[in-house]
Amino acid sequence: MHYMHPFVLKIKDMGWVAITHEDRPYPSGDFDEEVFIKTYIKLHHSFIVSLLAMLAHVLEYTEQQAF
């Protein structure tokens, strides 16, 4: 997808930042790792579902504009 595509611009407005390497930030210090991982999975799943819904909306809008 082109970096100026409406979908890409929208997710950038929402705070998305591309990960440019394989390592992801992981918290340090004293915390409950199981709770952290479960929460991360729930948030990640929620974000992906929202992203897919937005993509479907953008694609529907794009198809309508083509006609």
PDB file of N, CA and C in Angstrom:
ATOM      1  N   MET A   1       0.841  -1.167   0.000  1.00  0.00           N
ATOM      2  CA  MET A   1       0.000   0.000   0.000  1.00  0.00           C
ATOM      3  C   MET A   1       0.895   1.242   0.000  1.00  0.00           C
ATOM      4  N   HIS A   2       0.552   2.224  -0.772  1.00  0.00           N
ATOM      5  CA  HIS A   2       1.325   3.459  -0.872  1.00  0.00           C
ATOM      6  C   HIS A   2       1.258   4.241   0.437  1.00  0.00           C
ATOM      7  N   TYR A   3       2.341   4.903   0.808  1.00  0.00           N
ATOM      8  CA  TYR A   3       2.392   5.618   2.087  1.00  0.00           C
ATOM      9  C   TYR A   3       1.418   6.795   2.159  1.00  0.00           C
ATOM     10  N   MET A   4       0.871   7.231   1.031  1.00  0.00           N
ATOM     11  CA  MET A   4      -0.111   8.324   1.033  1.00  0.00           C
ATOM     12  C   MET A   4      -1.545   7.811   0.863  1.00  0.00           C
ATOM     13  N   HIS A   5      -1.719   6.493   0.907  1.00  0.00           N
ATOM     14  CA  HIS A   5      -3.057   5.902   0.804  1.00  0.00           C
ATOM     15  C   HIS A   5      -3.887   6.379   2.000  1.00  0.00           C
ATOM     16  N   PRO A   6      -5.176   6.665   1.804  1.00  0.00           N
ATOM     17  CA  PRO A   6      -6.017   7.150   2.906  1.00  0.00           C
ATOM     18  C   PRO A   6      -5.998   6.253   4.144  1.00  0.00           C
ATOM     19  N   PHE A   7      -5.945   4.942   3.937  1.00  0.00           N
ATOM     20  CA  PHE A   7      -5.889   4.023   5.071  1.00  0.00           C
ATOM     21  C   PHE A   7      -4.611   4.220   5.882  1.00  0.00           C
ATOM     22  N   VAL A   8      -3.498   4.298   5.202  1.00  0.00           N
ATOM     23  CA  VAL A   8      -2.208   4.481   5.876  1.00  0.00           C
ATOM     24  C   VAL A   8      -2.184   5.823   6.603  1.00  0.00           C
ATOM     25  N   LEU A   9      -2.677   6.861   5.956  1.00  0.00           N
ATOM     26  CA  LEU A   9      -2.718   8.184   6.599  1.00  0.00           C
ATOM     27  C   LEU A   9      -3.590   8.160   7.852  1.00  0.00           C
ATOM     28  N   LYS A  10      -4.715   7.457   7.792  1.00  0.00           N
ATOM     29  CA  LYS A  10      -5.627   7.397   8.938  1.00  0.00           C
ATOM     30  C   LYS A  10      -4.993   6.666  10.114  1.00  0.00           C
ATOM     31  N   ILE A  11      -4.365   5.522   9.863  1.00  0.00           N
ATOM     32  CA  ILE A  11      -3.775   4.794  10.982  1.00  0.00           C
ATOM     33  C   ILE A  11      -2.575   5.538  11.558  1.00  0.00           C
ATOM     34  N   LYS A  12      -1.884   6.323  10.725  1.00  0.00           N
ATOM     35  CA  LYS A  12      -0.803   7.164  11.246  1.00  0.00           C
ATOM     36  C   LYS A  12      -1.380   8.249  12.147  1.00  0.00           C
ATOM     37  N   ASP A  13      -2.522   8.817  11.757  1.00  0.00           N
ATOM     38  CA  ASP A  13      -3.202   9.808  12.603  1.00  0.00           C
ATOM     39  C   ASP A  13      -3.624   9.202  13.935  1.00  0.00           C
ATOM     40  N   MET A  14      -3.926   7.906  13.929  1.00  0.00           N
ATOM     41  CA  MET A  14      -4.354   7.225  15.145  1.00  0.00           C
ATOM     42  C   MET A  14      -3.174   6.815  16.030  1.00  0.00           C
ATOM     43  N   GLY A  15      -1.952   7.089  15.569  1.00  0.00           N
ATOM     44  CA  GLY A  15      -0.783   6.799  16.387  1.00  0.00           C
ATOM     45  C   GLY A  15       0.030   5.588  15.976  1.00  0.00           C
ATOM     46  N   TRP A  16      -0.309   4.963  14.853  1.00  0.00           N
ATOM     47  CA  TRP A  16       0.437   3.789  14.407  1.00  0.00           C
ATOM     48  C   TRP A  16       1.835   4.187  13.978  1.00  0.00           C
ATOM     49  N   VAL A  17       2.801   3.372  14.367  1.00  0.00           N
ATOM     50  CA  VAL A  17       4.182   3.569  13.947  1.00  0.00           C
ATOM     51  C   VAL A  17       4.703   2.218  13.486  1.00  0.00           C
ATOM     52  N   ALA A  18       5.321   2.202  12.339  1.00  0.00           N
ATOM     53  CA  ALA A  18       5.854   0.955  11.812  1.00  0.00           C
ATOM     54  C   ALA A  18       7.021   0.479  12.668  1.00  0.00           C
ATOM     55  N   ILE A  19       7.083  -0.825  12.898  1.00  0.00           N
ATOM     56  CA  ILE A  19       8.222  -1.412  13.603  1.00  0.00           C
ATOM     57  C   ILE A  19       9.250  -1.755  12.538  1.00  0.00           C
ATOM     58  N   THR A  20      10.436  -1.217  12.689  1.00  0.00           N
ATOM     59  CA  THR A  20      11.448  -1.385  11.653  1.00  0.00           C
ATOM     60  C   THR A  20      12.422  -2.515  11.959  1.00  0.00           C
ATOM     61  N   HIS A  21      12.196  -3.225  13.055  1.00  0.00           N
ATOM     62  CA  HIS A  21      13.056  -4.352  13.394  1.00  0.00           C
ATOM     63  C   HIS A  21      12.225  -5.406  14.116  1.00  0.00           C
ATOM     64  N   GLU A  22      12.800  -6.551  14.351  1.00  0.00           N
ATOM     65  CA  GLU A  22      12.064  -7.670  14.943  1.00  0.00           C
ATOM     66  C   GLU A  22      11.814  -7.505  16.438  1.00  0.00           C
ATOM     67  N   ASP A  23      12.662  -6.757  17.130  1.00  0.00           N
ATOM     68  CA  ASP A  23      12.507  -6.602  18.573  1.00  0.00           C
ATOM     69  C   ASP A  23      11.420  -5.606  18.903  1.00  0.00           C
ATOM     70  N   ARG A  24      10.588  -5.971  19.845  1.00  0.00           N
ATOM     71  CA  ARG A  24       9.531  -5.078  20.315  1.00  0.00           C
ATOM     72  C   ARG A  24       9.855  -4.695  21.751  1.00  0.00           C
ATOM     73  N   PRO A  25       9.495  -3.465  22.144  1.00  0.00           N
ATOM     74  CA  PRO A  25       9.774  -3.049  23.520  1.00  0.00           C
ATOM     75  C   PRO A  25       9.075  -3.966  24.530  1.00  0.00           C
ATOM     76  N   TYR A  26       9.760  -4.304  25.577  1.00  0.00           N
ATOM     77  CA  TYR A  26       9.212  -5.137  26.637  1.00  0.00           C
ATOM     78  C   TYR A  26       9.505  -4.444  27.958  1.00  0.00           C
ATOM     79  N   PRO A  27       8.527  -4.350  28.831  1.00  0.00           N
ATOM     80  CA  PRO A  27       8.751  -3.611  30.074  1.00  0.00           C
ATOM     81  C   PRO A  27       9.809  -4.266  30.957  1.00  0.00           C
ATOM     82  N   SER A  28      10.431  -3.446  31.759  1.00  0.00           N
ATOM     83  CA  SER A  28      11.396  -3.974  32.713  1.00  0.00           C
ATOM     84  C   SER A  28      10.926  -3.606  34.112  1.00  0.00           C
ATOM     85  N   GLY A  29      11.460  -4.267  35.093  1.00  0.00           N
ATOM     86  CA  GLY A  29      11.081  -3.973  36.467  1.00  0.00           C
ATOM     87  C   GLY A  29      10.181  -5.053  37.034  1.00  0.00           C
ATOM     88  N   ASP A  30       9.551  -4.745  38.142  1.00  0.00           N
ATOM     89  CA  ASP A  30       8.717  -5.696  38.861  1.00  0.00           C
ATOM     90  C   ASP A  30       7.268  -5.585  38.373  1.00  0.00           C
ATOM     91  N   PHE A  31       6.794  -6.583  37.633  1.00  0.00           N
ATOM     92  CA  PHE A  31       5.421  -6.603  37.139  1.00  0.00           C
ATOM     93  C   PHE A  31       4.983  -8.045  36.951  1.00  0.00           C
ATOM     94  N   ASP A  32       3.671  -8.242  36.850  1.00  0.00           N
ATOM     95  CA  ASP A  32       3.112  -9.578  36.654  1.00  0.00           C
ATOM     96  C   ASP A  32       3.149  -9.887  35.160  1.00  0.00           C
ATOM     97  N   GLU A  33       4.072 -10.718  34.764  1.00  0.00           N
ATOM     98  CA  GLU A  33       4.280 -11.016  33.345  1.00  0.00           C
ATOM     99  C   GLU A  33       3.048 -11.676  32.717  1.00  0.00           C
ATOM    100  N   GLU A  34       2.378 -12.559  33.431  1.00  0.00           N
ATOM    101  CA  GLU A  34       1.195 -13.231  32.884  1.00  0.00           C
ATOM    102  C   GLU A  34       0.080 -12.229  32.584  1.00  0.00           C
ATOM    103  N   VAL A  35      -0.161 -11.301  33.512  1.00  0.00           N
ATOM    104  CA  VAL A  35      -1.184 -10.267  33.302  1.00  0.00           C
ATOM    105  C   VAL A  35      -0.787  -9.376  32.133  1.00  0.00           C
ATOM    106  N   PHE A  36       0.490  -9.009  32.064  1.00  0.00           N
ATOM    107  CA  PHE A  36       0.975  -8.174  30.961  1.00  0.00           C
ATOM    108  C   PHE A  36       0.713  -8.854  29.617  1.00  0.00           C
ATOM    109  N   ILE A  37       1.069 -10.120  29.498  1.00  0.00           N
ATOM    110  CA  ILE A  37       0.925 -10.834  28.229  1.00  0.00           C
ATOM    111  C   ILE A  37      -0.546 -10.988  27.851  1.00  0.00           C
ATOM    112  N   LYS A  38      -1.387 -11.353  28.825  1.00  0.00           N
ATOM    113  CA  LYS A  38      -2.823 -11.495  28.540  1.00  0.00           C
ATOM    114  C   LYS A  38      -3.423 -10.160  28.092  1.00  0.00           C
ATOM    115  N   THR A  39      -3.050  -9.088  28.767  1.00  0.00           N
ATOM    116  CA  THR A  39      -3.562  -7.756  28.408  1.00  0.00           C
ATOM    117  C   THR A  39      -3.062  -7.341  27.032  1.00  0.00           C
ATOM    118  N   TYR A  40      -1.792  -7.595  26.755  1.00  0.00           N
ATOM    119  CA  TYR A  40      -1.214  -7.260  25.447  1.00  0.00           C
ATOM    120  C   TYR A  40      -1.968  -7.986  24.344  1.00  0.00           C
ATOM    121  N   ILE A  41      -2.251  -9.263  24.548  1.00  0.00           N
ATOM    122  CA  ILE A  41      -2.966 -10.046  23.533  1.00  0.00           C
ATOM    123  C   ILE A  41      -4.362  -9.475  23.306  1.00  0.00           C
ATOM    124  N   LYS A  42      -5.068  -9.138  24.391  1.00  0.00           N
ATOM    125  CA  LYS A  42      -6.413  -8.574  24.252  1.00  0.00           C
ATOM    126  C   LYS A  42      -6.380  -7.248  23.511  1.00  0.00           C
ATOM    127  N   LEU A  43      -5.430  -6.379  23.869  1.00  0.00           N
ATOM    128  CA  LEU A  43      -5.330  -5.084  23.201  1.00  0.00           C
ATOM    129  C   LEU A  43      -4.949  -5.250  21.737  1.00  0.00           C
ATOM    130  N   HIS A  44      -4.007  -6.143  21.478  1.00  0.00           N
ATOM    131  CA  HIS A  44      -3.568  -6.382  20.105  1.00  0.00           C
ATOM    132  C   HIS A  44      -4.722  -6.914  19.262  1.00  0.00           C
ATOM    133  N   HIS A  45      -5.485  -7.864  19.813  1.00  0.00           N
ATOM    134  CA  HIS A  45      -6.630  -8.420  19.097  1.00  0.00           C
ATOM    135  C   HIS A  45      -7.666  -7.331  18.814  1.00  0.00           C
ATOM    136  N   SER A  46      -7.953  -6.514  19.818  1.00  0.00           N
ATOM    137  CA  SER A  46      -8.924  -5.427  19.663  1.00  0.00           C
ATOM    138  C   SER A  46      -8.467  -4.452  18.580  1.00  0.00           C
ATOM    139  N   PHE A  47      -7.169  -4.124  18.566  1.00  0.00           N
ATOM    140  CA  PHE A  47      -6.632  -3.203  17.569  1.00  0.00           C
ATOM    141  C   PHE A  47      -6.740  -3.797  16.172  1.00  0.00           C
ATOM    142  N   ILE A  48      -6.401  -5.068  16.031  1.00  0.00           N
ATOM    143  CA  ILE A  48      -6.453  -5.726  14.716  1.00  0.00           C
ATOM    144  C   ILE A  48      -7.893  -5.759  14.198  1.00  0.00           C
ATOM    145  N   VAL A  49      -8.848  -6.080  15.071  1.00  0.00           N
ATOM    146  CA  VAL A  49     -10.255  -6.113  14.658  1.00  0.00           C
ATOM    147  C   VAL A  49     -10.695  -4.727  14.196  1.00  0.00           C
ATOM    148  N   SER A  50     -10.314  -3.690  14.942  1.00  0.00           N
ATOM    149  CA  SER A  50     -10.659  -2.318  14.564  1.00  0.00           C
ATOM    150  C   SER A  50     -10.005  -1.940  13.236  1.00  0.00           C
ATOM    151  N   LEU A  51      -8.763  -2.339  13.071  1.00  0.00           N
ATOM    152  CA  LEU A  51      -8.026  -2.035  11.851  1.00  0.00           C
ATOM    153  C   LEU A  51      -8.680  -2.706  10.647  1.00  0.00           C
ATOM    154  N   LEU A  52      -9.084  -3.949  10.805  1.00  0.00           N
ATOM    155  CA  LEU A  52      -9.745  -4.666   9.710  1.00  0.00           C
ATOM    156  C   LEU A  52     -11.090  -4.034   9.366  1.00  0.00           C
ATOM    157  N   ALA A  53     -11.830  -3.586  10.374  1.00  0.00           N
ATOM    158  CA  ALA A  53     -13.106  -2.915  10.121  1.00  0.00           C
ATOM    159  C   ALA A  53     -12.875  -1.614   9.360  1.00  0.00           C
ATOM    160  N   MET A  54     -11.841  -0.875   9.745  1.00  0.00           N
ATOM    161  CA  MET A  54     -11.541   0.378   9.065  1.00  0.00           C
ATOM    162  C   MET A  54     -11.105   0.108   7.624  1.00  0.00           C
ATOM    163  N   LEU A  55     -10.294  -0.922   7.430  1.00  0.00           N
ATOM    164  CA  LEU A  55      -9.852  -1.277   6.087  1.00  0.00           C
ATOM    165  C   LEU A  55     -11.054  -1.644   5.213  1.00  0.00           C
ATOM    166  N   ALA A  56     -11.990  -2.397   5.745  1.00  0.00           N
ATOM    167  CA  ALA A  56     -13.188  -2.760   4.989  1.00  0.00           C
ATOM    168  C   ALA A  56     -13.969  -1.510   4.598  1.00  0.00           C
ATOM    169  N   HIS A  57     -14.061  -0.559   5.519  1.00  0.00           N
ATOM    170  CA  HIS A  57     -14.770   0.690   5.238  1.00  0.00           C
ATOM    171  C   HIS A  57     -14.060   1.485   4.134  1.00  0.00           C
ATOM    172  N   VAL A  58     -12.737   1.563   4.219  1.00  0.00           N
ATOM    173  CA  VAL A  58     -11.956   2.291   3.208  1.00  0.00           C
ATOM    174  C   VAL A  58     -12.109   1.629   1.846  1.00  0.00           C
ATOM    175  N   LEU A  59     -12.034   0.307   1.819  1.00  0.00           N
ATOM    176  CA  LEU A  59     -12.174  -0.401   0.544  1.00  0.00           C
ATOM    177  C   LEU A  59     -13.573  -0.210  -0.036  1.00  0.00           C
ATOM    178  N   GLU A  60     -14.592  -0.240   0.806  1.00  0.00           N
ATOM    179  CA  GLU A  60     -15.960  -0.016   0.342  1.00  0.00           C
ATOM    180  C   GLU A  60     -16.100   1.397  -0.228  1.00  0.00           C
ATOM    181  N   TYR A  61     -15.544   2.376   0.462  1.00  0.00           N
ATOM    182  CA  TYR A  61     -15.594   3.765   0.003  1.00  0.00           C
ATOM    183  C   TYR A  61     -14.847   3.910  -1.327  1.00  0.00           C
ATOM    184  N   THR A  62     -13.686   3.283  -1.438  1.00  0.00           N
ATOM    185  CA  THR A  62     -12.883   3.360  -2.664  1.00  0.00           C
ATOM    186  C   THR A  62     -13.644   2.748  -3.836  1.00  0.00           C
ATOM    187  N   GLU A  63     -14.299   1.613  -3.592  1.00  0.00           N
ATOM    188  CA  GLU A  63     -15.070   0.972  -4.668  1.00  0.00           C
ATOM    189  C   GLU A  63     -16.238   1.851  -5.098  1.00  0.00           C
ATOM    190  N   GLN A  64     -16.892   2.524  -4.166  1.00  0.00           N
ATOM    191  CA  GLN A  64     -18.007   3.399  -4.493  1.00  0.00           C
ATOM    192  C   GLN A  64     -17.539   4.593  -5.315  1.00  0.00           C
ATOM    193  N   GLN A  65     -16.344   5.091  -5.030  1.00  0.00           N
ATOM    194  CA  GLN A  65     -15.811   6.231  -5.764  1.00  0.00           C
ATOM    195  C   GLN A  65     -15.384   5.852  -7.171  1.00  0.00           C
ATOM    196  N   ALA A  66     -15.093   4.572  -7.389  1.00  0.00           N
ATOM    197  CA  ALA A  66     -14.653   4.120  -8.711  1.00  0.00           C
ATOM    198  C   ALA A  66     -15.812   4.124  -9.718  1.00  0.00           C
ATOM    199  N   PHE A  67     -17.030   4.044  -9.234  1.00  0.00           N
ATOM    200  CA  PHE A  67     -18.188   3.990 -10.143  1.00  0.00           C
ATOM    201  C   PHE A  67     -18.716   5.335 -10.415  1.00  0.00           C
TER     202      PHE A  67
END
